[in-house]
Amino acid sequence: MGMITYTIDNKLYINVTNKCTNSCIFCIRNTERGLGEGYDLWLDHDPTAEEILLEIKDPQKYDEIVFCGYGEPLIRLDVVIEVAKKLKEITSVPLRVNTNGHASYIHKKNVPQLLSNLIDRISISLNAPNKERYNEICKPFNEDIYDYVIEFIKDSKKYIKEVWVSCVDIISKKEIEECKEIAQKLGVNFKLRTYEE
């Protein structure tokens, strides 16, 4: 069994699943190094909400608690909601989700609306300024998913306090600027992530 939770910079990360709807060319899972020594994030099964909560001994001591993992956490939407509800009862620490923005399409529901009042921050990986480049870089399960990612960002803006859109610096400076412009147009924050081989 890999690690269900791990800490970096006083932030607690929850490894919800190893399943993902993308096969990004820059994914940390594809590197031999992974997240680094001491971080075994390959799970032998998806942890239950109970298993996750048992791992979180003292939630109040962290600066932030993040649903993420070696996969797409919102594939397991019910578990994320259940854990977030329990955490909201016992801690005031902000809760964040790192996501690829496919969840509303996958679950056929308005996922940001379901996360409203539970998740304080959401970080959505945009990674490209258009559908063609997204398909090249992220190799998604559906070649039209980019449009749904944009819709997911718009919905997140309506229902979640703090919304971030990110991309990885493997794309050109011009494309990074275009991603920034998309974030500005949608009225959300932008973050550039560094690709580490």
N, C-alpha and C. Protein backbone atom coordinates (compact mmCIF):
# COMPACT_ATOMS: atom_id res chain seq x y z
N MET A 1 0.84 -1.21 0.00
CA MET A 1 0.00 0.00 0.00
C MET A 1 0.87 1.25 0.00
N GLY A 2 0.64 2.15 -0.92
CA GLY A 2 1.38 3.40 -0.94
C GLY A 2 0.84 4.35 0.12
N MET A 3 1.37 5.56 0.11
CA MET A 3 0.99 6.55 1.12
C MET A 3 -0.37 7.16 0.78
N ILE A 4 -1.27 7.15 1.77
CA ILE A 4 -2.57 7.79 1.58
C ILE A 4 -2.45 9.29 1.81
N THR A 5 -1.62 9.68 2.77
CA THR A 5 -1.38 11.11 3.01
C THR A 5 0.12 11.36 3.12
N TYR A 6 0.53 12.59 2.79
CA TYR A 6 1.93 12.99 2.94
C TYR A 6 1.96 14.50 3.14
N THR A 7 3.04 14.97 3.73
CA THR A 7 3.15 16.40 4.06
C THR A 7 4.29 17.05 3.30
N ILE A 8 4.03 18.22 2.73
CA ILE A 8 5.07 19.06 2.12
C ILE A 8 4.78 20.50 2.57
N ASP A 9 5.81 21.17 3.13
CA ASP A 9 5.66 22.57 3.56
C ASP A 9 4.44 22.80 4.44
N ASN A 10 4.24 21.92 5.41
CA ASN A 10 3.13 22.00 6.35
C ASN A 10 1.75 21.98 5.69
N LYS A 11 1.69 21.39 4.48
CA LYS A 11 0.40 21.15 3.83
C LYS A 11 0.21 19.65 3.78
N LEU A 12 -0.98 19.20 4.13
CA LEU A 12 -1.27 17.76 4.10
C LEU A 12 -1.94 17.43 2.76
N TYR A 13 -1.32 16.50 2.03
CA TYR A 13 -1.84 16.07 0.74
C TYR A 13 -2.51 14.71 0.88
N ILE A 14 -3.70 14.57 0.32
CA ILE A 14 -4.44 13.31 0.37
C ILE A 14 -4.37 12.66 -1.00
N ASN A 15 -3.81 11.46 -1.03
CA ASN A 15 -3.64 10.69 -2.26
C ASN A 15 -4.91 9.87 -2.47
N VAL A 16 -5.86 10.43 -3.21
CA VAL A 16 -7.21 9.86 -3.29
C VAL A 16 -7.28 8.64 -4.21
N THR A 17 -6.55 8.70 -5.33
CA THR A 17 -6.59 7.61 -6.31
C THR A 17 -5.37 7.70 -7.23
N ASN A 18 -5.05 6.58 -7.89
CA ASN A 18 -4.03 6.59 -8.94
C ASN A 18 -4.65 6.63 -10.33
N LYS A 19 -5.98 6.59 -10.37
CA LYS A 19 -6.66 6.62 -11.68
C LYS A 19 -6.65 8.05 -12.23
N CYS A 20 -6.55 8.16 -13.55
CA CYS A 20 -6.60 9.49 -14.17
C CYS A 20 -7.22 9.41 -15.55
N THR A 21 -7.83 10.51 -15.99
CA THR A 21 -8.46 10.57 -17.30
C THR A 21 -7.54 11.23 -18.33
N ASN A 22 -6.35 11.60 -17.90
CA ASN A 22 -5.31 12.13 -18.80
C ASN A 22 -4.08 11.23 -18.74
N SER A 23 -3.22 11.33 -19.75
CA SER A 23 -1.89 10.70 -19.72
C SER A 23 -0.87 11.76 -20.10
N CYS A 24 -0.77 12.80 -19.27
CA CYS A 24 0.05 13.97 -19.61
C CYS A 24 1.51 13.61 -19.85
N ILE A 25 2.09 14.23 -20.87
CA ILE A 25 3.48 13.92 -21.22
C ILE A 25 4.47 14.38 -20.15
N PHE A 26 4.04 15.31 -19.30
CA PHE A 26 4.93 15.84 -18.25
C PHE A 26 4.64 15.23 -16.88
N CYS A 27 3.73 14.24 -16.81
CA CYS A 27 3.28 13.74 -15.51
C CYS A 27 4.43 13.18 -14.68
N ILE A 28 4.44 13.57 -13.41
CA ILE A 28 5.47 13.14 -12.46
C ILE A 28 5.49 11.61 -12.31
N ARG A 29 4.36 10.98 -12.61
CA ARG A 29 4.28 9.52 -12.51
C ARG A 29 5.17 8.83 -13.54
N ASN A 30 5.45 9.55 -14.63
CA ASN A 30 6.27 8.95 -15.70
C ASN A 30 7.76 9.06 -15.43
N THR A 31 8.14 9.78 -14.40
CA THR A 31 9.57 9.95 -14.11
C THR A 31 10.00 8.89 -13.09
N GLU A 32 11.22 8.47 -13.21
CA GLU A 32 11.73 7.47 -12.27
C GLU A 32 11.75 8.04 -10.84
N ARG A 33 12.01 9.34 -10.76
CA ARG A 33 12.15 10.00 -9.47
C ARG A 33 10.80 10.13 -8.77
N GLY A 34 9.73 10.29 -9.55
CA GLY A 34 8.41 10.52 -8.95
C GLY A 34 8.44 11.78 -8.11
N LEU A 35 7.84 11.70 -6.95
CA LEU A 35 7.82 12.87 -6.06
C LEU A 35 9.10 12.98 -5.25
N GLY A 36 9.92 11.95 -5.31
CA GLY A 36 11.19 11.98 -4.57
C GLY A 36 11.26 10.85 -3.56
N GLU A 37 12.43 10.69 -3.00
CA GLU A 37 12.67 9.59 -2.06
C GLU A 37 11.75 9.70 -0.84
N GLY A 38 11.24 8.57 -0.42
CA GLY A 38 10.37 8.55 0.77
C GLY A 38 8.91 8.75 0.47
N TYR A 39 8.56 9.03 -0.81
CA TYR A 39 7.16 9.22 -1.19
C TYR A 39 6.72 8.10 -2.12
N ASP A 40 6.12 7.06 -1.54
CA ASP A 40 5.61 5.96 -2.35
C ASP A 40 4.11 6.18 -2.53
N LEU A 41 3.74 6.72 -3.69
CA LEU A 41 2.34 7.12 -3.89
C LEU A 41 1.54 6.13 -4.73
N TRP A 42 2.16 5.01 -5.10
CA TRP A 42 1.40 4.00 -5.85
C TRP A 42 0.55 3.20 -4.87
N LEU A 43 -0.75 3.32 -4.99
CA LEU A 43 -1.69 2.67 -4.07
C LEU A 43 -2.03 1.26 -4.56
N ASP A 44 -2.22 0.31 -3.63
CA ASP A 44 -2.67 -1.01 -4.07
C ASP A 44 -4.21 -1.08 -4.11
N HIS A 45 -4.87 -0.09 -3.52
CA HIS A 45 -6.31 0.07 -3.69
C HIS A 45 -6.67 1.52 -3.38
N ASP A 46 -7.80 1.98 -3.91
CA ASP A 46 -8.28 3.32 -3.59
C ASP A 46 -8.75 3.35 -2.14
N PRO A 47 -8.21 4.25 -1.33
CA PRO A 47 -8.61 4.27 0.08
C PRO A 47 -10.05 4.71 0.27
N THR A 48 -10.70 4.14 1.27
CA THR A 48 -12.06 4.56 1.62
C THR A 48 -11.98 5.90 2.37
N ALA A 49 -13.12 6.54 2.52
CA ALA A 49 -13.18 7.78 3.30
C ALA A 49 -12.69 7.52 4.73
N GLU A 50 -13.08 6.36 5.28
CA GLU A 50 -12.68 6.00 6.64
C GLU A 50 -11.15 5.88 6.74
N GLU A 51 -10.56 5.20 5.76
CA GLU A 51 -9.10 5.02 5.76
C GLU A 51 -8.38 6.37 5.68
N ILE A 52 -8.91 7.26 4.87
CA ILE A 52 -8.30 8.60 4.73
C ILE A 52 -8.40 9.34 6.07
N LEU A 53 -9.58 9.34 6.65
CA LEU A 53 -9.80 10.09 7.90
C LEU A 53 -8.96 9.54 9.05
N LEU A 54 -8.75 8.24 9.07
CA LEU A 54 -7.90 7.64 10.11
C LEU A 54 -6.46 8.13 10.03
N GLU A 55 -6.03 8.48 8.83
CA GLU A 55 -4.66 8.96 8.61
C GLU A 55 -4.46 10.39 9.12
N ILE A 56 -5.55 11.14 9.19
CA ILE A 56 -5.46 12.57 9.52
C ILE A 56 -5.66 12.74 11.02
N LYS A 57 -4.57 12.65 11.76
CA LYS A 57 -4.66 12.65 13.23
C LYS A 57 -5.03 14.03 13.80
N ASP A 58 -4.36 15.07 13.28
CA ASP A 58 -4.56 16.41 13.84
C ASP A 58 -4.67 17.42 12.70
N PRO A 59 -5.83 17.51 12.06
CA PRO A 59 -5.97 18.37 10.88
C PRO A 59 -5.65 19.83 11.14
N GLN A 60 -5.89 20.29 12.36
CA GLN A 60 -5.74 21.71 12.68
C GLN A 60 -4.29 22.19 12.60
N LYS A 61 -3.34 21.27 12.61
CA LYS A 61 -1.93 21.70 12.63
C LYS A 61 -1.38 22.07 11.26
N TYR A 62 -2.17 21.83 10.20
CA TYR A 62 -1.68 22.11 8.84
C TYR A 62 -2.13 23.49 8.36
N ASP A 63 -1.39 24.02 7.39
CA ASP A 63 -1.78 25.30 6.78
C ASP A 63 -2.90 25.11 5.76
N GLU A 64 -2.93 23.89 5.19
CA GLU A 64 -3.90 23.60 4.13
C GLU A 64 -3.99 22.08 3.99
N ILE A 65 -5.15 21.59 3.60
CA ILE A 65 -5.31 20.16 3.31
C ILE A 65 -5.75 20.05 1.85
N VAL A 66 -5.03 19.21 1.09
CA VAL A 66 -5.19 19.19 -0.37
C VAL A 66 -5.59 17.79 -0.86
N PHE A 67 -6.70 17.73 -1.58
CA PHE A 67 -7.09 16.48 -2.25
C PHE A 67 -6.38 16.43 -3.59
N CYS A 68 -5.52 15.44 -3.76
CA CYS A 68 -4.77 15.37 -5.02
C CYS A 68 -4.42 13.91 -5.26
N GLY A 69 -3.13 13.62 -5.43
CA GLY A 69 -2.69 12.24 -5.56
C GLY A 69 -1.99 11.98 -6.87
N TYR A 70 -1.65 10.73 -7.03
CA TYR A 70 -1.04 10.25 -8.27
C TYR A 70 -2.17 9.91 -9.23
N GLY A 71 -3.10 10.83 -9.39
CA GLY A 71 -4.27 10.60 -10.22
C GLY A 71 -5.20 11.78 -10.11
N GLU A 72 -6.43 11.60 -10.55
CA GLU A 72 -7.44 12.67 -10.54
C GLU A 72 -8.41 12.44 -9.38
N PRO A 73 -8.31 13.25 -8.31
CA PRO A 73 -9.10 12.99 -7.11
C PRO A 73 -10.61 12.98 -7.33
N LEU A 74 -11.09 13.83 -8.25
CA LEU A 74 -12.54 13.96 -8.41
C LEU A 74 -13.16 12.82 -9.20
N ILE A 75 -12.34 11.87 -9.67
CA ILE A 75 -12.91 10.60 -10.17
C ILE A 75 -13.69 9.97 -9.02
N ARG A 76 -13.19 10.18 -7.79
CA ARG A 76 -13.82 9.63 -6.58
C ARG A 76 -14.55 10.75 -5.82
N LEU A 77 -15.45 11.36 -6.53
CA LEU A 77 -16.17 12.54 -6.02
C LEU A 77 -16.85 12.28 -4.67
N ASP A 78 -17.53 11.13 -4.53
CA ASP A 78 -18.25 10.84 -3.29
C ASP A 78 -17.31 10.78 -2.08
N VAL A 79 -16.13 10.20 -2.29
CA VAL A 79 -15.15 10.09 -1.20
C VAL A 79 -14.62 11.47 -0.83
N VAL A 80 -14.30 12.29 -1.84
CA VAL A 80 -13.81 13.66 -1.58
C VAL A 80 -14.86 14.44 -0.79
N ILE A 81 -16.12 14.33 -1.20
CA ILE A 81 -17.20 15.06 -0.50
C ILE A 81 -17.35 14.56 0.94
N GLU A 82 -17.32 13.25 1.12
CA GLU A 82 -17.48 12.68 2.46
C GLU A 82 -16.35 13.12 3.39
N VAL A 83 -15.12 13.04 2.91
CA VAL A 83 -13.96 13.44 3.73
C VAL A 83 -14.01 14.94 4.01
N ALA A 84 -14.32 15.74 2.99
CA ALA A 84 -14.38 17.19 3.16
C ALA A 84 -15.44 17.58 4.19
N LYS A 85 -16.60 16.92 4.14
CA LYS A 85 -17.67 17.21 5.12
C LYS A 85 -17.20 16.95 6.54
N LYS A 86 -16.55 15.81 6.74
CA LYS A 86 -16.05 15.45 8.08
C LYS A 86 -14.98 16.45 8.54
N LEU A 87 -14.08 16.82 7.63
CA LEU A 87 -13.01 17.76 7.99
C LEU A 87 -13.58 19.13 8.35
N LYS A 88 -14.61 19.55 7.62
CA LYS A 88 -15.23 20.85 7.90
C LYS A 88 -15.83 20.89 9.31
N GLU A 89 -16.24 19.73 9.82
CA GLU A 89 -16.81 19.66 11.18
C GLU A 89 -15.75 19.82 12.26
N ILE A 90 -14.49 19.47 11.93
CA ILE A 90 -13.47 19.41 12.99
C ILE A 90 -12.30 20.39 12.81
N THR A 91 -12.25 21.08 11.65
CA THR A 91 -11.13 22.00 11.45
C THR A 91 -11.53 23.21 10.62
N SER A 92 -10.82 24.30 10.84
CA SER A 92 -11.04 25.52 10.05
C SER A 92 -9.96 25.67 8.97
N VAL A 93 -9.06 24.67 8.86
CA VAL A 93 -7.98 24.72 7.87
C VAL A 93 -8.59 24.69 6.46
N PRO A 94 -8.10 25.56 5.54
CA PRO A 94 -8.65 25.56 4.19
C PRO A 94 -8.45 24.23 3.47
N LEU A 95 -9.46 23.84 2.71
CA LEU A 95 -9.41 22.61 1.91
C LEU A 95 -9.28 22.98 0.43
N ARG A 96 -8.37 22.28 -0.25
CA ARG A 96 -8.14 22.55 -1.68
C ARG A 96 -8.26 21.25 -2.47
N VAL A 97 -8.69 21.37 -3.72
CA VAL A 97 -8.67 20.24 -4.66
C VAL A 97 -7.78 20.62 -5.83
N ASN A 98 -6.87 19.71 -6.21
CA ASN A 98 -6.11 19.84 -7.45
C ASN A 98 -6.76 18.91 -8.47
N THR A 99 -7.18 19.46 -9.60
CA THR A 99 -7.98 18.67 -10.54
C THR A 99 -7.66 19.00 -11.99
N ASN A 100 -8.03 18.07 -12.89
CA ASN A 100 -7.87 18.35 -14.32
C ASN A 100 -9.14 18.95 -14.92
N GLY A 101 -10.19 19.07 -14.11
CA GLY A 101 -11.41 19.73 -14.59
C GLY A 101 -12.34 18.86 -15.42
N HIS A 102 -12.15 17.54 -15.38
CA HIS A 102 -12.99 16.64 -16.16
C HIS A 102 -14.23 16.16 -15.40
N ALA A 103 -14.29 16.45 -14.11
CA ALA A 103 -15.26 15.77 -13.22
C ALA A 103 -16.73 15.98 -13.59
N SER A 104 -17.10 17.18 -13.99
CA SER A 104 -18.51 17.42 -14.32
C SER A 104 -18.93 16.58 -15.53
N TYR A 105 -18.01 16.46 -16.48
CA TYR A 105 -18.29 15.63 -17.67
C TYR A 105 -18.40 14.15 -17.27
N ILE A 106 -17.47 13.70 -16.46
CA ILE A 106 -17.45 12.28 -16.05
C ILE A 106 -18.71 11.90 -15.28
N HIS A 107 -19.06 12.74 -14.30
CA HIS A 107 -20.17 12.40 -13.40
C HIS A 107 -21.52 12.90 -13.88
N LYS A 108 -21.51 13.68 -14.96
CA LYS A 108 -22.75 14.27 -15.50
C LYS A 108 -23.49 15.08 -14.43
N LYS A 109 -22.70 15.83 -13.64
CA LYS A 109 -23.25 16.69 -12.58
C LYS A 109 -22.43 17.97 -12.55
N ASN A 110 -22.99 19.03 -11.96
CA ASN A 110 -22.23 20.26 -11.76
C ASN A 110 -21.37 20.09 -10.50
N VAL A 111 -20.16 19.58 -10.70
CA VAL A 111 -19.30 19.23 -9.56
C VAL A 111 -18.90 20.44 -8.72
N PRO A 112 -18.50 21.58 -9.32
CA PRO A 112 -18.19 22.73 -8.47
C PRO A 112 -19.33 23.13 -7.54
N GLN A 113 -20.55 23.01 -8.03
CA GLN A 113 -21.71 23.33 -7.18
C GLN A 113 -21.78 22.35 -5.99
N LEU A 114 -21.48 21.08 -6.24
CA LEU A 114 -21.49 20.08 -5.16
C LEU A 114 -20.37 20.32 -4.15
N LEU A 115 -19.30 20.95 -4.60
CA LEU A 115 -18.16 21.23 -3.71
C LEU A 115 -18.29 22.56 -2.97
N SER A 116 -19.29 23.33 -3.35
CA SER A 116 -19.54 24.63 -2.73
C SER A 116 -19.71 24.48 -1.22
N ASN A 117 -19.10 25.37 -0.45
CA ASN A 117 -19.13 25.36 1.03
C ASN A 117 -18.31 24.23 1.66
N LEU A 118 -17.69 23.40 0.84
CA LEU A 118 -16.81 22.35 1.35
C LEU A 118 -15.37 22.64 0.98
N ILE A 119 -15.16 22.99 -0.28
CA ILE A 119 -13.81 23.24 -0.80
C ILE A 119 -13.59 24.75 -0.88
N ASP A 120 -12.51 25.21 -0.27
CA ASP A 120 -12.22 26.65 -0.23
C ASP A 120 -11.44 27.12 -1.45
N ARG A 121 -10.59 26.21 -1.98
CA ARG A 121 -9.73 26.56 -3.11
C ARG A 121 -9.73 25.40 -4.10
N ILE A 122 -9.68 25.75 -5.38
CA ILE A 122 -9.56 24.69 -6.39
C ILE A 122 -8.50 25.11 -7.39
N SER A 123 -7.65 24.17 -7.75
CA SER A 123 -6.60 24.44 -8.73
C SER A 123 -6.84 23.52 -9.93
N ILE A 124 -7.09 24.12 -11.08
CA ILE A 124 -7.48 23.36 -12.29
C ILE A 124 -6.34 23.44 -13.31
N SER A 125 -5.89 22.27 -13.76
CA SER A 125 -4.79 22.22 -14.73
C SER A 125 -5.33 22.48 -16.13
N LEU A 126 -5.01 23.64 -16.67
CA LEU A 126 -5.43 23.99 -18.03
C LEU A 126 -4.40 23.46 -19.04
N ASN A 127 -3.14 23.82 -18.81
CA ASN A 127 -1.99 23.26 -19.53
C ASN A 127 -1.85 23.60 -21.00
N ALA A 128 -2.87 24.20 -21.61
CA ALA A 128 -2.75 24.55 -23.03
C ALA A 128 -3.77 25.62 -23.38
N PRO A 129 -3.47 26.45 -24.39
CA PRO A 129 -4.38 27.54 -24.73
C PRO A 129 -5.50 27.13 -25.70
N ASN A 130 -5.48 25.88 -26.18
CA ASN A 130 -6.52 25.43 -27.10
C ASN A 130 -6.63 23.90 -27.07
N LYS A 131 -7.68 23.41 -27.69
CA LYS A 131 -8.00 21.98 -27.67
C LYS A 131 -6.91 21.12 -28.31
N GLU A 132 -6.39 21.58 -29.45
CA GLU A 132 -5.40 20.79 -30.18
C GLU A 132 -4.15 20.56 -29.33
N ARG A 133 -3.66 21.63 -28.73
CA ARG A 133 -2.45 21.52 -27.89
C ARG A 133 -2.73 20.71 -26.64
N TYR A 134 -3.93 20.88 -26.08
CA TYR A 134 -4.31 20.12 -24.89
C TYR A 134 -4.26 18.62 -25.20
N ASN A 135 -4.81 18.25 -26.34
CA ASN A 135 -4.82 16.83 -26.73
C ASN A 135 -3.41 16.28 -26.92
N GLU A 136 -2.51 17.13 -27.45
CA GLU A 136 -1.10 16.72 -27.64
C GLU A 136 -0.40 16.52 -26.30
N ILE A 137 -0.61 17.47 -25.40
CA ILE A 137 0.15 17.51 -24.13
C ILE A 137 -0.45 16.57 -23.09
N CYS A 138 -1.79 16.57 -22.98
CA CYS A 138 -2.45 15.85 -21.88
C CYS A 138 -2.98 14.48 -22.27
N LYS A 139 -3.06 14.22 -23.58
CA LYS A 139 -3.56 12.92 -24.07
C LYS A 139 -4.79 12.44 -23.28
N PRO A 140 -5.88 13.24 -23.35
CA PRO A 140 -7.06 12.91 -22.54
C PRO A 140 -7.85 11.73 -23.12
N PHE A 141 -8.77 11.21 -22.30
CA PHE A 141 -9.61 10.07 -22.71
C PHE A 141 -10.65 10.49 -23.75
N ASN A 142 -10.87 11.79 -23.88
CA ASN A 142 -11.88 12.30 -24.82
C ASN A 142 -11.29 13.54 -25.51
N GLU A 143 -11.25 13.53 -26.83
CA GLU A 143 -10.56 14.62 -27.53
C GLU A 143 -11.32 15.95 -27.52
N ASP A 144 -12.56 15.94 -27.00
CA ASP A 144 -13.31 17.20 -26.90
C ASP A 144 -13.37 17.73 -25.46
N ILE A 145 -12.63 17.11 -24.56
CA ILE A 145 -12.76 17.44 -23.13
C ILE A 145 -12.32 18.87 -22.81
N TYR A 146 -11.44 19.45 -23.61
CA TYR A 146 -10.93 20.80 -23.32
C TYR A 146 -12.07 21.80 -23.11
N ASP A 147 -13.10 21.71 -23.96
CA ASP A 147 -14.25 22.63 -23.84
C ASP A 147 -14.93 22.47 -22.48
N TYR A 148 -14.95 21.24 -21.99
CA TYR A 148 -15.58 20.96 -20.68
C TYR A 148 -14.71 21.47 -19.54
N VAL A 149 -13.38 21.47 -19.74
CA VAL A 149 -12.47 22.04 -18.73
C VAL A 149 -12.76 23.54 -18.57
N ILE A 150 -12.93 24.22 -19.70
CA ILE A 150 -13.25 25.66 -19.66
C ILE A 150 -14.57 25.88 -18.91
N GLU A 151 -15.58 25.06 -19.21
CA GLU A 151 -16.87 25.17 -18.50
C GLU A 151 -16.70 24.91 -17.00
N PHE A 152 -15.85 23.95 -16.68
CA PHE A 152 -15.59 23.60 -15.28
C PHE A 152 -14.97 24.80 -14.54
N ILE A 153 -14.06 25.50 -15.21
CA ILE A 153 -13.44 26.70 -14.62
C ILE A 153 -14.52 27.76 -14.37
N LYS A 154 -15.39 27.97 -15.36
CA LYS A 154 -16.47 28.97 -15.21
C LYS A 154 -17.39 28.62 -14.03
N ASP A 155 -17.75 27.33 -13.92
CA ASP A 155 -18.61 26.90 -12.81
C ASP A 155 -17.89 27.04 -11.47
N SER A 156 -16.60 26.72 -11.45
CA SER A 156 -15.83 26.84 -10.20
C SER A 156 -15.85 28.28 -9.70
N LYS A 157 -15.75 29.22 -10.64
CA LYS A 157 -15.76 30.65 -10.30
C LYS A 157 -17.07 31.02 -9.59
N LYS A 158 -18.15 30.36 -9.98
CA LYS A 158 -19.46 30.67 -9.38
C LYS A 158 -19.60 30.11 -7.96
N TYR A 159 -18.95 28.96 -7.70
CA TYR A 159 -19.26 28.22 -6.47
C TYR A 159 -18.12 28.08 -5.47
N ILE A 160 -16.90 28.38 -5.90
CA ILE A 160 -15.75 28.17 -4.99
C ILE A 160 -15.02 29.49 -4.80
N LYS A 161 -14.67 29.78 -3.54
CA LYS A 161 -14.11 31.10 -3.18
C LYS A 161 -12.87 31.45 -3.99
N GLU A 162 -11.92 30.52 -4.05
CA GLU A 162 -10.63 30.82 -4.68
C GLU A 162 -10.34 29.83 -5.80
N VAL A 163 -10.23 30.32 -7.02
CA VAL A 163 -10.02 29.45 -8.18
C VAL A 163 -8.70 29.79 -8.86
N TRP A 164 -7.90 28.75 -9.06
CA TRP A 164 -6.62 28.89 -9.76
C TRP A 164 -6.63 28.03 -11.01
N VAL A 165 -6.02 28.57 -12.07
CA VAL A 165 -5.80 27.82 -13.30
C VAL A 165 -4.30 27.73 -13.47
N SER A 166 -3.80 26.56 -13.85
CA SER A 166 -2.35 26.42 -13.96
C SER A 166 -1.95 25.79 -15.29
N CYS A 167 -0.69 26.02 -15.65
CA CYS A 167 -0.10 25.28 -16.76
C CYS A 167 1.37 25.01 -16.44
N VAL A 168 1.94 24.07 -17.15
CA VAL A 168 3.33 23.66 -16.91
C VAL A 168 4.22 24.36 -17.92
N ASP A 169 5.43 24.73 -17.48
CA ASP A 169 6.31 25.55 -18.35
C ASP A 169 7.00 24.77 -19.47
N ILE A 170 6.39 23.66 -19.91
CA ILE A 170 6.94 22.97 -21.08
C ILE A 170 6.41 23.58 -22.38
N ILE A 171 5.36 24.40 -22.26
CA ILE A 171 4.82 25.04 -23.46
C ILE A 171 5.56 26.36 -23.72
N SER A 172 5.35 26.93 -24.90
CA SER A 172 6.08 28.13 -25.29
C SER A 172 5.63 29.34 -24.46
N LYS A 173 6.48 30.39 -24.46
CA LYS A 173 6.14 31.62 -23.73
C LYS A 173 4.84 32.22 -24.27
N LYS A 174 4.67 32.14 -25.57
CA LYS A 174 3.45 32.67 -26.20
C LYS A 174 2.22 31.90 -25.69
N GLU A 175 2.34 30.58 -25.60
CA GLU A 175 1.22 29.76 -25.11
C GLU A 175 0.94 30.02 -23.63
N ILE A 176 2.00 30.24 -22.86
CA ILE A 176 1.82 30.58 -21.43
C ILE A 176 1.03 31.88 -21.32
N GLU A 177 1.41 32.86 -22.14
CA GLU A 177 0.69 34.14 -22.13
C GLU A 177 -0.78 33.96 -22.52
N GLU A 178 -1.01 33.08 -23.49
CA GLU A 178 -2.40 32.82 -23.92
C GLU A 178 -3.20 32.16 -22.79
N CYS A 179 -2.56 31.26 -22.05
CA CYS A 179 -3.23 30.62 -20.90
C CYS A 179 -3.55 31.65 -19.83
N LYS A 180 -2.59 32.56 -19.60
CA LYS A 180 -2.80 33.65 -18.63
C LYS A 180 -4.01 34.49 -19.05
N GLU A 181 -4.09 34.78 -20.34
CA GLU A 181 -5.20 35.60 -20.86
C GLU A 181 -6.54 34.89 -20.66
N ILE A 182 -6.55 33.57 -20.86
CA ILE A 182 -7.78 32.79 -20.64
C ILE A 182 -8.20 32.93 -19.17
N ALA A 183 -7.23 32.77 -18.26
CA ALA A 183 -7.52 32.90 -16.82
C ALA A 183 -8.07 34.29 -16.50
N GLN A 184 -7.44 35.32 -17.06
CA GLN A 184 -7.90 36.70 -16.82
C GLN A 184 -9.32 36.89 -17.32
N LYS A 185 -9.57 36.38 -18.53
CA LYS A 185 -10.90 36.52 -19.13
C LYS A 185 -11.96 35.83 -18.29
N LEU A 186 -11.57 34.70 -17.68
CA LEU A 186 -12.52 33.95 -16.85
C LEU A 186 -12.57 34.47 -15.41
N GLY A 187 -11.69 35.43 -15.11
CA GLY A 187 -11.70 36.06 -13.78
C GLY A 187 -11.15 35.19 -12.67
N VAL A 188 -10.15 34.34 -13.02
CA VAL A 188 -9.55 33.46 -12.01
C VAL A 188 -8.04 33.69 -11.93
N ASN A 189 -7.41 33.17 -10.89
CA ASN A 189 -5.96 33.32 -10.69
C ASN A 189 -5.20 32.38 -11.62
N PHE A 190 -3.95 32.77 -11.92
CA PHE A 190 -3.11 31.94 -12.80
C PHE A 190 -1.81 31.57 -12.10
N LYS A 191 -1.39 30.31 -12.29
CA LYS A 191 -0.12 29.85 -11.72
C LYS A 191 0.64 29.05 -12.77
N LEU A 192 1.94 29.36 -12.89
CA LEU A 192 2.82 28.59 -13.78
C LEU A 192 3.54 27.54 -12.95
N ARG A 193 3.44 26.26 -13.34
CA ARG A 193 4.11 25.19 -12.62
C ARG A 193 5.40 24.83 -13.35
N THR A 194 6.42 24.44 -12.58
CA THR A 194 7.71 24.09 -13.16
C THR A 194 7.79 22.60 -13.44
N TYR A 195 8.18 22.27 -14.65
CA TYR A 195 8.34 20.86 -15.02
C TYR A 195 9.67 20.36 -14.47
N GLU A 196 9.61 19.26 -13.75
CA GLU A 196 10.83 18.67 -13.19
C GLU A 196 11.02 17.29 -13.77
N GLU A 197 12.17 17.10 -14.45
CA GLU A 197 12.41 15.80 -15.08
C GLU A 197 12.82 14.78 -14.03
